[in-house]
Amino acid sequence: MAKFLCVVIMALMSQTLMAKSIVVLGDSISAAYGIDVAQGWVALVQKKLNDTHHDFTLYNDSISGDTSAGGLARIDQALSLRKPSILILELGANDGLRGLPPAQMKSNLAEIIRRAQHAHAKVLLLGIKIPPNYGKRYIEMFYNVYPQLAQEMHLPVIPFLLEDIALTTGLMQPDGLHPNAQAQPIIAEKIWQQLLPLLN
């Protein structure tokens, strides 16, 4: 009996050691703002992991309204607590909506990425765009942050997470900023395709 218990304990410890975590550090788009959390893209990606990669657990450390500065303030705790193998970084939209300097946003995101990489986590960067009323120059500076970071720091990137969603009838909430429940499977599949190579 004692030998059997020892084997069970060792097996459980082995599973714990083999378990890997993925952290989503994001804002309202990842926090399932305005919809049931179970309908959000993070929950849908977790279901895909359950079906194909049992050794990965997804932790959603996203906060509605968060900025790149807020993410930078939280990243060390997330890395220490979760010890992720992969970080999915989805921040910046609120920087843009508040008209904050794109250069500062880029600096904040770059530092988050550096800290994650230093902790041996792979990073998947999710880009976003802001409404056109902020002016062409600002919008271009803002949007270019994501491909620049991806190139400079050798990251996989989705340049615009809401491509084919933001302007499609029936896929956005009434505020025009947040995807609705019908859009979530599309987002989840888009992220899944970029996540798969990192899992393998």
N, C-alpha and C. Protein backbone atom coordinates (compact mmCIF):
# COMPACT_ATOMS: atom_id res chain seq x y z
N MET A 1 0.83 -1.20 0.00
CA MET A 1 0.00 0.00 0.00
C MET A 1 0.87 1.25 0.00
N ALA A 2 1.87 1.24 0.86
CA ALA A 2 2.77 2.39 0.94
C ALA A 2 3.49 2.60 -0.39
N LYS A 3 3.87 1.48 -1.03
CA LYS A 3 4.56 1.57 -2.31
C LYS A 3 3.63 2.16 -3.37
N PHE A 4 2.35 1.74 -3.32
CA PHE A 4 1.36 2.24 -4.28
C PHE A 4 1.17 3.75 -4.12
N LEU A 5 1.03 4.19 -2.86
CA LEU A 5 0.86 5.62 -2.59
C LEU A 5 2.07 6.41 -3.07
N CYS A 6 3.23 5.85 -2.88
CA CYS A 6 4.46 6.52 -3.31
C CYS A 6 4.47 6.71 -4.82
N VAL A 7 4.01 5.68 -5.54
CA VAL A 7 3.96 5.76 -7.00
C VAL A 7 2.97 6.83 -7.44
N VAL A 8 1.80 6.87 -6.77
CA VAL A 8 0.78 7.86 -7.10
C VAL A 8 1.30 9.27 -6.86
N ILE A 9 1.95 9.47 -5.72
CA ILE A 9 2.50 10.80 -5.38
C ILE A 9 3.55 11.21 -6.40
N MET A 10 4.41 10.29 -6.78
CA MET A 10 5.44 10.60 -7.76
C MET A 10 4.83 10.96 -9.11
N ALA A 11 3.76 10.25 -9.46
CA ALA A 11 3.09 10.54 -10.73
C ALA A 11 2.47 11.92 -10.72
N LEU A 12 1.83 12.26 -9.59
CA LEU A 12 1.23 13.58 -9.47
C LEU A 12 2.28 14.68 -9.50
N MET A 13 3.40 14.45 -8.83
CA MET A 13 4.49 15.43 -8.83
C MET A 13 5.05 15.58 -10.23
N SER A 14 5.15 14.48 -10.96
CA SER A 14 5.66 14.52 -12.33
C SER A 14 4.73 15.33 -13.22
N GLN A 15 3.41 15.15 -13.06
CA GLN A 15 2.45 15.91 -13.84
C GLN A 15 2.55 17.39 -13.53
N THR A 16 2.75 17.72 -12.24
CA THR A 16 2.86 19.11 -11.83
C THR A 16 4.10 19.75 -12.45
N LEU A 17 5.20 18.99 -12.43
CA LEU A 17 6.44 19.53 -12.99
C LEU A 17 6.33 19.69 -14.49
N MET A 18 5.57 18.80 -15.16
CA MET A 18 5.43 18.86 -16.60
C MET A 18 4.43 19.93 -17.04
N ALA A 19 3.54 20.34 -16.17
CA ALA A 19 2.52 21.31 -16.52
C ALA A 19 3.16 22.63 -16.94
N LYS A 20 2.61 23.21 -18.00
CA LYS A 20 3.14 24.47 -18.52
C LYS A 20 2.01 25.50 -18.51
N SER A 21 2.39 26.74 -18.36
CA SER A 21 1.37 27.78 -18.29
C SER A 21 1.55 28.80 -19.40
N ILE A 22 0.42 29.36 -19.80
CA ILE A 22 0.38 30.47 -20.76
C ILE A 22 -0.34 31.61 -20.06
N VAL A 23 0.23 32.80 -20.13
CA VAL A 23 -0.39 33.97 -19.51
C VAL A 23 -0.85 34.93 -20.60
N VAL A 24 -2.08 35.39 -20.48
CA VAL A 24 -2.59 36.44 -21.34
C VAL A 24 -2.54 37.74 -20.54
N LEU A 25 -1.75 38.69 -21.00
CA LEU A 25 -1.67 40.00 -20.36
C LEU A 25 -2.33 40.99 -21.31
N GLY A 26 -3.55 41.38 -20.97
CA GLY A 26 -4.29 42.20 -21.91
C GLY A 26 -5.24 43.17 -21.24
N ASP A 27 -6.13 43.71 -22.06
CA ASP A 27 -7.13 44.68 -21.59
C ASP A 27 -8.53 44.10 -21.82
N SER A 28 -9.51 44.97 -22.07
CA SER A 28 -10.90 44.52 -22.15
C SER A 28 -11.16 43.53 -23.29
N ILE A 29 -10.39 43.61 -24.36
CA ILE A 29 -10.59 42.70 -25.48
C ILE A 29 -10.31 41.26 -25.06
N SER A 30 -9.35 41.09 -24.16
CA SER A 30 -9.03 39.76 -23.66
C SER A 30 -9.79 39.42 -22.39
N ALA A 31 -10.32 40.43 -21.71
CA ALA A 31 -11.06 40.21 -20.47
C ALA A 31 -12.53 39.92 -20.72
N ALA A 32 -12.92 39.77 -21.99
CA ALA A 32 -14.30 39.45 -22.37
C ALA A 32 -15.28 40.52 -21.91
N TYR A 33 -14.89 41.78 -22.12
CA TYR A 33 -15.75 42.90 -21.74
C TYR A 33 -17.11 42.81 -22.46
N GLY A 34 -18.17 42.95 -21.69
CA GLY A 34 -19.52 43.01 -22.25
C GLY A 34 -20.15 41.68 -22.62
N ILE A 35 -19.43 40.59 -22.41
CA ILE A 35 -19.97 39.26 -22.71
C ILE A 35 -19.63 38.31 -21.57
N ASP A 36 -20.20 37.14 -21.59
CA ASP A 36 -19.87 36.13 -20.59
C ASP A 36 -18.43 35.69 -20.77
N VAL A 37 -17.70 35.57 -19.68
CA VAL A 37 -16.29 35.19 -19.75
C VAL A 37 -16.10 33.87 -20.50
N ALA A 38 -17.04 32.95 -20.32
CA ALA A 38 -16.94 31.65 -20.98
C ALA A 38 -17.06 31.75 -22.49
N GLN A 39 -17.55 32.89 -22.99
CA GLN A 39 -17.68 33.09 -24.43
C GLN A 39 -16.45 33.77 -25.03
N GLY A 40 -15.58 34.29 -24.17
CA GLY A 40 -14.43 35.05 -24.64
C GLY A 40 -13.40 34.20 -25.35
N TRP A 41 -12.54 34.84 -26.13
CA TRP A 41 -11.55 34.09 -26.91
C TRP A 41 -10.57 33.34 -26.03
N VAL A 42 -10.28 33.85 -24.84
CA VAL A 42 -9.35 33.15 -23.95
C VAL A 42 -9.93 31.81 -23.53
N ALA A 43 -11.20 31.79 -23.15
CA ALA A 43 -11.85 30.54 -22.76
C ALA A 43 -11.91 29.57 -23.94
N LEU A 44 -12.12 30.09 -25.13
CA LEU A 44 -12.20 29.23 -26.32
C LEU A 44 -10.83 28.63 -26.66
N VAL A 45 -9.78 29.40 -26.47
CA VAL A 45 -8.43 28.86 -26.70
C VAL A 45 -8.10 27.81 -25.64
N GLN A 46 -8.55 28.02 -24.41
CA GLN A 46 -8.32 27.02 -23.37
C GLN A 46 -9.00 25.69 -23.73
N LYS A 47 -10.18 25.76 -24.33
CA LYS A 47 -10.86 24.54 -24.77
C LYS A 47 -10.04 23.81 -25.82
N LYS A 48 -9.44 24.58 -26.73
CA LYS A 48 -8.59 23.96 -27.75
C LYS A 48 -7.37 23.30 -27.10
N LEU A 49 -6.81 23.96 -26.10
CA LEU A 49 -5.69 23.37 -25.37
C LEU A 49 -6.10 22.08 -24.67
N ASN A 50 -7.28 22.08 -24.09
CA ASN A 50 -7.77 20.88 -23.39
C ASN A 50 -7.88 19.70 -24.35
N ASP A 51 -8.21 19.99 -25.60
CA ASP A 51 -8.39 18.94 -26.59
C ASP A 51 -7.07 18.44 -27.18
N THR A 52 -6.07 19.31 -27.23
CA THR A 52 -4.86 18.94 -27.98
C THR A 52 -3.56 19.02 -27.19
N HIS A 53 -3.52 19.88 -26.18
CA HIS A 53 -2.27 20.08 -25.42
C HIS A 53 -2.63 20.12 -23.92
N HIS A 54 -2.83 18.95 -23.34
CA HIS A 54 -3.30 18.85 -21.96
C HIS A 54 -2.30 19.43 -20.95
N ASP A 55 -1.06 19.52 -21.35
CA ASP A 55 -0.03 19.96 -20.39
C ASP A 55 0.05 21.49 -20.29
N PHE A 56 -0.81 22.22 -21.01
CA PHE A 56 -0.81 23.68 -20.94
C PHE A 56 -2.06 24.19 -20.24
N THR A 57 -1.88 25.16 -19.35
CA THR A 57 -2.99 25.85 -18.70
C THR A 57 -2.90 27.33 -19.03
N LEU A 58 -4.02 27.90 -19.37
CA LEU A 58 -4.07 29.31 -19.77
C LEU A 58 -4.59 30.16 -18.61
N TYR A 59 -3.82 31.18 -18.25
CA TYR A 59 -4.22 32.11 -17.19
C TYR A 59 -4.51 33.48 -17.81
N ASN A 60 -5.68 34.00 -17.52
CA ASN A 60 -6.07 35.28 -18.09
C ASN A 60 -5.83 36.40 -17.07
N ASP A 61 -4.72 37.10 -17.23
CA ASP A 61 -4.39 38.22 -16.35
C ASP A 61 -4.70 39.54 -17.05
N SER A 62 -5.87 39.61 -17.65
CA SER A 62 -6.29 40.81 -18.38
C SER A 62 -7.22 41.66 -17.53
N ILE A 63 -7.10 42.98 -17.68
CA ILE A 63 -7.91 43.93 -16.92
C ILE A 63 -8.49 44.96 -17.88
N SER A 64 -9.80 45.10 -17.87
CA SER A 64 -10.44 46.10 -18.72
C SER A 64 -9.91 47.49 -18.39
N GLY A 65 -9.58 48.24 -19.43
CA GLY A 65 -9.08 49.60 -19.24
C GLY A 65 -7.58 49.70 -19.04
N ASP A 66 -6.90 48.55 -18.99
CA ASP A 66 -5.46 48.58 -18.71
C ASP A 66 -4.68 49.17 -19.89
N THR A 67 -3.56 49.79 -19.56
CA THR A 67 -2.66 50.37 -20.55
C THR A 67 -1.35 49.60 -20.56
N SER A 68 -0.46 49.98 -21.47
CA SER A 68 0.86 49.34 -21.51
C SER A 68 1.63 49.60 -20.22
N ALA A 69 1.44 50.78 -19.64
CA ALA A 69 2.09 51.09 -18.35
C ALA A 69 1.55 50.20 -17.24
N GLY A 70 0.25 49.96 -17.27
CA GLY A 70 -0.35 49.07 -16.28
C GLY A 70 0.17 47.65 -16.43
N GLY A 71 0.31 47.20 -17.67
CA GLY A 71 0.86 45.88 -17.91
C GLY A 71 2.29 45.75 -17.44
N LEU A 72 3.07 46.80 -17.66
CA LEU A 72 4.46 46.80 -17.21
C LEU A 72 4.53 46.72 -15.69
N ALA A 73 3.60 47.40 -15.02
CA ALA A 73 3.58 47.37 -13.55
C ALA A 73 3.20 45.99 -13.01
N ARG A 74 2.52 45.19 -13.84
CA ARG A 74 2.02 43.89 -13.38
C ARG A 74 2.84 42.69 -13.86
N ILE A 75 3.71 42.91 -14.83
CA ILE A 75 4.35 41.76 -15.48
C ILE A 75 5.23 40.95 -14.54
N ASP A 76 5.97 41.60 -13.65
CA ASP A 76 6.87 40.85 -12.77
C ASP A 76 6.10 39.88 -11.88
N GLN A 77 4.97 40.33 -11.36
CA GLN A 77 4.16 39.46 -10.51
C GLN A 77 3.61 38.29 -11.32
N ALA A 78 3.16 38.56 -12.54
CA ALA A 78 2.61 37.49 -13.38
C ALA A 78 3.68 36.46 -13.71
N LEU A 79 4.88 36.92 -14.02
CA LEU A 79 5.97 36.00 -14.34
C LEU A 79 6.37 35.18 -13.12
N SER A 80 6.41 35.82 -11.96
CA SER A 80 6.80 35.13 -10.73
C SER A 80 5.75 34.11 -10.30
N LEU A 81 4.48 34.50 -10.42
CA LEU A 81 3.39 33.64 -9.94
C LEU A 81 3.09 32.49 -10.92
N ARG A 82 3.03 32.82 -12.20
CA ARG A 82 2.60 31.83 -13.20
C ARG A 82 3.75 31.05 -13.82
N LYS A 83 4.94 31.67 -13.86
CA LYS A 83 6.10 31.06 -14.53
C LYS A 83 5.72 30.55 -15.93
N PRO A 84 5.23 31.45 -16.78
CA PRO A 84 4.69 31.02 -18.07
C PRO A 84 5.76 30.56 -19.05
N SER A 85 5.38 29.60 -19.87
CA SER A 85 6.20 29.21 -21.01
C SER A 85 5.94 30.16 -22.18
N ILE A 86 4.72 30.72 -22.20
CA ILE A 86 4.31 31.62 -23.27
C ILE A 86 3.54 32.80 -22.68
N LEU A 87 3.83 33.99 -23.18
CA LEU A 87 3.07 35.19 -22.83
C LEU A 87 2.36 35.70 -24.07
N ILE A 88 1.04 35.83 -23.98
CA ILE A 88 0.26 36.45 -25.05
C ILE A 88 0.01 37.89 -24.62
N LEU A 89 0.59 38.82 -25.34
CA LEU A 89 0.57 40.24 -24.94
C LEU A 89 -0.41 41.02 -25.82
N GLU A 90 -1.47 41.51 -25.20
CA GLU A 90 -2.51 42.25 -25.91
C GLU A 90 -2.79 43.55 -25.16
N LEU A 91 -1.95 44.53 -25.39
CA LEU A 91 -2.10 45.82 -24.73
C LEU A 91 -1.78 46.94 -25.72
N GLY A 92 -2.27 48.13 -25.41
CA GLY A 92 -1.97 49.30 -26.22
C GLY A 92 -3.20 50.05 -26.67
N ALA A 93 -4.34 49.35 -26.78
CA ALA A 93 -5.55 50.02 -27.26
C ALA A 93 -5.92 51.22 -26.40
N ASN A 94 -5.82 51.07 -25.10
CA ASN A 94 -6.21 52.16 -24.21
C ASN A 94 -5.17 53.29 -24.21
N ASP A 95 -3.92 52.97 -24.51
CA ASP A 95 -2.94 54.03 -24.73
C ASP A 95 -3.39 54.91 -25.89
N GLY A 96 -3.80 54.25 -26.98
CA GLY A 96 -4.23 54.99 -28.16
C GLY A 96 -5.49 55.77 -27.92
N LEU A 97 -6.47 55.18 -27.26
CA LEU A 97 -7.74 55.87 -27.01
C LEU A 97 -7.56 57.07 -26.10
N ARG A 98 -6.50 57.05 -25.29
CA ARG A 98 -6.21 58.20 -24.41
C ARG A 98 -5.23 59.17 -25.05
N GLY A 99 -4.80 58.87 -26.25
CA GLY A 99 -3.88 59.76 -26.95
C GLY A 99 -2.49 59.80 -26.36
N LEU A 100 -2.08 58.73 -25.69
CA LEU A 100 -0.74 58.69 -25.08
C LEU A 100 0.32 58.49 -26.16
N PRO A 101 1.55 58.95 -25.91
CA PRO A 101 2.60 58.88 -26.93
C PRO A 101 2.89 57.44 -27.37
N PRO A 102 2.84 57.16 -28.67
CA PRO A 102 3.17 55.82 -29.16
C PRO A 102 4.58 55.38 -28.79
N ALA A 103 5.52 56.33 -28.70
CA ALA A 103 6.89 55.98 -28.34
C ALA A 103 6.95 55.42 -26.92
N GLN A 104 6.14 55.98 -26.03
CA GLN A 104 6.11 55.48 -24.65
C GLN A 104 5.44 54.12 -24.59
N MET A 105 4.38 53.95 -25.38
CA MET A 105 3.73 52.65 -25.45
C MET A 105 4.71 51.59 -25.95
N LYS A 106 5.45 51.93 -26.98
CA LYS A 106 6.43 50.98 -27.52
C LYS A 106 7.48 50.63 -26.48
N SER A 107 7.93 51.63 -25.73
CA SER A 107 8.93 51.39 -24.68
C SER A 107 8.38 50.47 -23.61
N ASN A 108 7.13 50.70 -23.20
CA ASN A 108 6.51 49.85 -22.18
C ASN A 108 6.36 48.42 -22.66
N LEU A 109 5.86 48.26 -23.88
CA LEU A 109 5.66 46.92 -24.42
C LEU A 109 7.00 46.20 -24.60
N ALA A 110 8.01 46.94 -25.05
CA ALA A 110 9.33 46.33 -25.24
C ALA A 110 9.90 45.83 -23.92
N GLU A 111 9.67 46.60 -22.85
CA GLU A 111 10.19 46.18 -21.55
C GLU A 111 9.43 44.96 -21.02
N ILE A 112 8.13 44.91 -21.26
CA ILE A 112 7.36 43.71 -20.89
C ILE A 112 7.92 42.49 -21.62
N ILE A 113 8.16 42.65 -22.91
CA ILE A 113 8.68 41.55 -23.72
C ILE A 113 10.06 41.12 -23.22
N ARG A 114 10.92 42.09 -22.95
CA ARG A 114 12.28 41.77 -22.46
C ARG A 114 12.22 40.97 -21.17
N ARG A 115 11.36 41.40 -20.25
CA ARG A 115 11.26 40.70 -18.97
C ARG A 115 10.71 39.28 -19.15
N ALA A 116 9.75 39.14 -20.05
CA ALA A 116 9.21 37.81 -20.32
C ALA A 116 10.26 36.91 -20.94
N GLN A 117 10.99 37.43 -21.89
CA GLN A 117 12.04 36.64 -22.54
C GLN A 117 13.16 36.30 -21.56
N HIS A 118 13.47 37.23 -20.69
CA HIS A 118 14.49 36.96 -19.66
C HIS A 118 14.04 35.82 -18.75
N ALA A 119 12.72 35.69 -18.56
CA ALA A 119 12.16 34.60 -17.75
C ALA A 119 11.91 33.35 -18.59
N HIS A 120 12.46 33.34 -19.80
CA HIS A 120 12.39 32.18 -20.71
C HIS A 120 10.98 31.90 -21.22
N ALA A 121 10.19 32.94 -21.35
CA ALA A 121 8.85 32.80 -21.93
C ALA A 121 8.87 33.28 -23.38
N LYS A 122 8.22 32.51 -24.25
CA LYS A 122 8.01 32.97 -25.62
C LYS A 122 6.88 34.00 -25.60
N VAL A 123 6.91 34.93 -26.54
CA VAL A 123 5.92 36.00 -26.55
C VAL A 123 5.19 36.03 -27.89
N LEU A 124 3.86 36.08 -27.82
CA LEU A 124 3.02 36.31 -28.99
C LEU A 124 2.40 37.69 -28.82
N LEU A 125 2.63 38.58 -29.77
CA LEU A 125 2.18 39.96 -29.69
C LEU A 125 0.91 40.14 -30.51
N LEU A 126 -0.11 40.72 -29.89
CA LEU A 126 -1.38 40.98 -30.55
C LEU A 126 -1.55 42.48 -30.76
N GLY A 127 -1.62 42.89 -32.01
CA GLY A 127 -1.74 44.31 -32.33
C GLY A 127 -3.18 44.75 -32.44
N ILE A 128 -3.36 46.05 -32.39
CA ILE A 128 -4.70 46.64 -32.44
C ILE A 128 -4.62 47.95 -33.21
N LYS A 129 -5.76 48.41 -33.70
CA LYS A 129 -5.86 49.72 -34.33
C LYS A 129 -6.87 50.56 -33.56
N ILE A 130 -6.78 51.86 -33.75
CA ILE A 130 -7.72 52.78 -33.08
C ILE A 130 -8.54 53.51 -34.13
N PRO A 131 -9.67 54.13 -33.73
CA PRO A 131 -10.55 54.81 -34.69
C PRO A 131 -9.82 55.92 -35.45
N PRO A 132 -10.29 56.23 -36.67
CA PRO A 132 -9.61 57.19 -37.54
C PRO A 132 -9.65 58.64 -37.07
N ASN A 133 -10.49 58.97 -36.10
CA ASN A 133 -10.62 60.36 -35.69
C ASN A 133 -9.43 60.88 -34.87
N TYR A 134 -8.41 60.03 -34.67
CA TYR A 134 -7.22 60.48 -33.94
C TYR A 134 -6.17 61.11 -34.86
N GLY A 135 -6.45 61.13 -36.14
CA GLY A 135 -5.53 61.76 -37.09
C GLY A 135 -4.59 60.75 -37.71
N LYS A 136 -4.31 60.95 -39.00
CA LYS A 136 -3.54 59.98 -39.77
C LYS A 136 -2.14 59.77 -39.19
N ARG A 137 -1.45 60.84 -38.82
CA ARG A 137 -0.07 60.70 -38.34
C ARG A 137 -0.01 59.90 -37.04
N TYR A 138 -0.90 60.23 -36.10
CA TYR A 138 -0.91 59.52 -34.83
C TYR A 138 -1.27 58.05 -35.03
N ILE A 139 -2.27 57.79 -35.86
CA ILE A 139 -2.71 56.42 -36.10
C ILE A 139 -1.59 55.58 -36.71
N GLU A 140 -0.87 56.15 -37.67
CA GLU A 140 0.23 55.41 -38.29
C GLU A 140 1.35 55.13 -37.29
N MET A 141 1.69 56.13 -36.48
CA MET A 141 2.72 55.92 -35.45
C MET A 141 2.30 54.83 -34.47
N PHE A 142 1.03 54.88 -34.08
CA PHE A 142 0.50 53.90 -33.13
C PHE A 142 0.53 52.49 -33.73
N TYR A 143 -0.03 52.36 -34.91
CA TYR A 143 -0.16 51.03 -35.52
C TYR A 143 1.21 50.42 -35.84
N ASN A 144 2.17 51.26 -36.20
CA ASN A 144 3.50 50.75 -36.57
C ASN A 144 4.27 50.18 -35.39
N VAL A 145 3.85 50.49 -34.17
CA VAL A 145 4.54 49.98 -32.99
C VAL A 145 4.61 48.45 -33.01
N TYR A 146 3.52 47.81 -33.38
CA TYR A 146 3.45 46.34 -33.30
C TYR A 146 4.37 45.64 -34.30
N PRO A 147 4.32 45.97 -35.60
CA PRO A 147 5.26 45.31 -36.51
C PRO A 147 6.72 45.67 -36.22
N GLN A 148 6.96 46.90 -35.73
CA GLN A 148 8.33 47.28 -35.37
C GLN A 148 8.84 46.42 -34.23
N LEU A 149 8.04 46.25 -33.20
CA LEU A 149 8.45 45.42 -32.06
C LEU A 149 8.67 43.97 -32.50
N ALA A 150 7.78 43.48 -33.34
CA ALA A 150 7.90 42.09 -33.80
C ALA A 150 9.21 41.88 -34.55
N GLN A 151 9.57 42.85 -35.38
CA GLN A 151 10.80 42.73 -36.15
C GLN A 151 12.03 42.89 -35.27
N GLU A 152 12.01 43.89 -34.40
CA GLU A 152 13.16 44.19 -33.57
C GLU A 152 13.42 43.12 -32.52
N MET A 153 12.35 42.49 -32.02
CA MET A 153 12.49 41.54 -30.93
C MET A 153 12.19 40.11 -31.35
N HIS A 154 12.04 39.91 -32.66
CA HIS A 154 11.90 38.57 -33.25
C HIS A 154 10.71 37.82 -32.65
N LEU A 155 9.52 38.43 -32.82
CA LEU A 155 8.29 37.87 -32.23
C LEU A 155 7.28 37.53 -33.31
N PRO A 156 6.47 36.51 -33.07
CA PRO A 156 5.28 36.35 -33.90
C PRO A 156 4.27 37.43 -33.52
N VAL A 157 3.57 37.93 -34.51
CA VAL A 157 2.64 39.04 -34.24
C VAL A 157 1.39 38.88 -35.09
N ILE A 158 0.26 39.26 -34.52
CA ILE A 158 -0.97 39.47 -35.29
C ILE A 158 -1.11 40.98 -35.38
N PRO A 159 -0.83 41.59 -36.52
CA PRO A 159 -0.77 43.06 -36.62
C PRO A 159 -2.05 43.76 -36.16
N PHE A 160 -3.21 43.20 -36.54
CA PHE A 160 -4.48 43.80 -36.13
C PHE A 160 -5.44 42.67 -35.75
N LEU A 161 -5.63 42.50 -34.46
CA LEU A 161 -6.41 41.39 -33.94
C LEU A 161 -7.85 41.38 -34.45
N LEU A 162 -8.40 42.57 -34.69
CA LEU A 162 -9.81 42.67 -35.10
C LEU A 162 -9.97 42.87 -36.61
N GLU A 163 -8.95 42.50 -37.36
CA GLU A 163 -9.04 42.52 -38.82
C GLU A 163 -10.23 41.65 -39.25
N ASP A 164 -11.03 42.16 -40.18
CA ASP A 164 -12.22 41.46 -40.67
C ASP A 164 -13.30 41.31 -39.61
N ILE A 165 -13.15 42.02 -38.50
CA ILE A 165 -14.16 41.98 -37.44
C ILE A 165 -14.67 43.39 -37.15
N ALA A 166 -13.75 44.33 -36.98
CA ALA A 166 -14.10 45.69 -36.53
C ALA A 166 -15.12 46.38 -37.43
N LEU A 167 -15.04 46.13 -38.73
CA LEU A 167 -15.94 46.81 -39.67
C LEU A 167 -17.01 45.88 -40.24
N THR A 168 -17.14 44.71 -39.63
CA THR A 168 -18.12 43.73 -40.12
C THR A 168 -19.40 43.81 -39.30
N THR A 169 -20.50 43.99 -39.98
CA THR A 169 -21.80 44.09 -39.31
C THR A 169 -22.10 42.83 -38.50
N GLY A 170 -22.51 43.03 -37.25
CA GLY A 170 -22.91 41.92 -36.41
C GLY A 170 -21.82 41.30 -35.58
N LEU A 171 -20.58 41.84 -35.66
CA LEU A 171 -19.48 41.26 -34.90
C LEU A 171 -18.94 42.18 -33.80
N MET A 172 -19.47 43.40 -33.71
CA MET A 172 -19.02 44.33 -32.69
C MET A 172 -20.16 44.70 -31.75
N GLN A 173 -19.80 45.05 -30.52
CA GLN A 173 -20.79 45.54 -29.57
C GLN A 173 -21.22 46.95 -29.95
N PRO A 174 -22.32 47.44 -29.39
CA PRO A 174 -22.82 48.77 -29.77
C PRO A 174 -21.82 49.91 -29.61
N ASP A 175 -20.82 49.74 -28.73
CA ASP A 175 -19.84 50.82 -28.54
C ASP A 175 -18.86 50.93 -29.71
N GLY A 176 -18.86 49.94 -30.59
CA GLY A 176 -17.97 49.98 -31.75
C GLY A 176 -16.52 49.71 -31.44
N LEU A 177 -16.21 49.38 -30.20
CA LEU A 177 -14.82 49.16 -29.79
C LEU A 177 -14.53 47.72 -29.40
N HIS A 178 -15.56 47.03 -28.93
CA HIS A 178 -15.35 45.68 -28.39
C HIS A 178 -16.07 44.63 -29.23
N PRO A 179 -15.39 43.54 -29.56
CA PRO A 179 -16.03 42.46 -30.31
C PRO A 179 -17.09 41.77 -29.46
N ASN A 180 -18.15 41.33 -30.11
CA ASN A 180 -19.22 40.64 -29.37
C ASN A 180 -18.96 39.14 -29.31
N ALA A 181 -19.92 38.40 -28.78
CA ALA A 181 -19.74 36.96 -28.59
C ALA A 181 -19.55 36.23 -29.92
N GLN A 182 -20.23 36.71 -30.97
CA GLN A 182 -20.13 36.06 -32.28
C GLN A 182 -18.72 36.19 -32.87
N ALA A 183 -18.00 37.21 -32.47
CA ALA A 183 -16.65 37.45 -33.00
C ALA A 183 -15.59 36.61 -32.30
N GLN A 184 -15.90 36.13 -31.11
CA GLN A 184 -14.88 35.47 -30.30
C GLN A 184 -14.28 34.20 -30.93
N PRO A 185 -15.08 33.32 -31.56
CA PRO A 185 -14.47 32.15 -32.21
C PRO A 185 -13.51 32.53 -33.33
N ILE A 186 -13.80 33.62 -34.03
CA ILE A 186 -12.91 34.09 -35.11
C ILE A 186 -11.58 34.54 -34.52
N ILE A 187 -11.65 35.30 -33.42
CA ILE A 187 -10.43 35.77 -32.74
C ILE A 187 -9.65 34.58 -32.20
N ALA A 188 -10.36 33.66 -31.58
CA ALA A 188 -9.70 32.48 -30.98
C ALA A 188 -8.95 31.68 -32.04
N GLU A 189 -9.57 31.47 -33.19
CA GLU A 189 -8.93 30.70 -34.26
C GLU A 189 -7.71 31.44 -34.81
N LYS A 190 -7.82 32.75 -34.93
CA LYS A 190 -6.69 33.56 -35.42
C LYS A 190 -5.49 33.45 -34.47
N ILE A 191 -5.76 33.52 -33.18
CA ILE A 191 -4.70 33.41 -32.19
C ILE A 191 -4.16 31.98 -32.13
N TRP A 192 -5.05 31.01 -32.23
CA TRP A 192 -4.65 29.60 -32.17
C TRP A 192 -3.63 29.26 -33.25
N GLN A 193 -3.84 29.78 -34.44
CA GLN A 193 -2.92 29.49 -35.54
C GLN A 193 -1.52 30.05 -35.28
N GLN A 194 -1.43 31.15 -34.58
CA GLN A 194 -0.13 31.72 -34.22
C GLN A 194 0.46 31.07 -32.98
N LEU A 195 -0.41 30.56 -32.13
CA LEU A 195 0.03 29.95 -30.88
C LEU A 195 0.58 28.55 -31.09
N LEU A 196 0.02 27.82 -32.03
CA LEU A 196 0.41 26.42 -32.25
C LEU A 196 1.92 26.21 -32.40
N PRO A 197 2.61 27.00 -33.23
CA PRO A 197 4.06 26.78 -33.36
C PRO A 197 4.81 26.99 -32.05
N LEU A 198 4.30 27.85 -31.18
CA LEU A 198 4.94 28.10 -29.89
C LEU A 198 4.72 26.92 -28.94
N LEU A 199 3.58 26.26 -29.07
CA LEU A 199 3.28 25.10 -28.24
C LEU A 199 4.18 23.92 -28.60
N ASN A 200 4.49 23.83 -29.88
CA ASN A 200 5.23 22.68 -30.37
C ASN A 200 6.73 22.91 -30.38
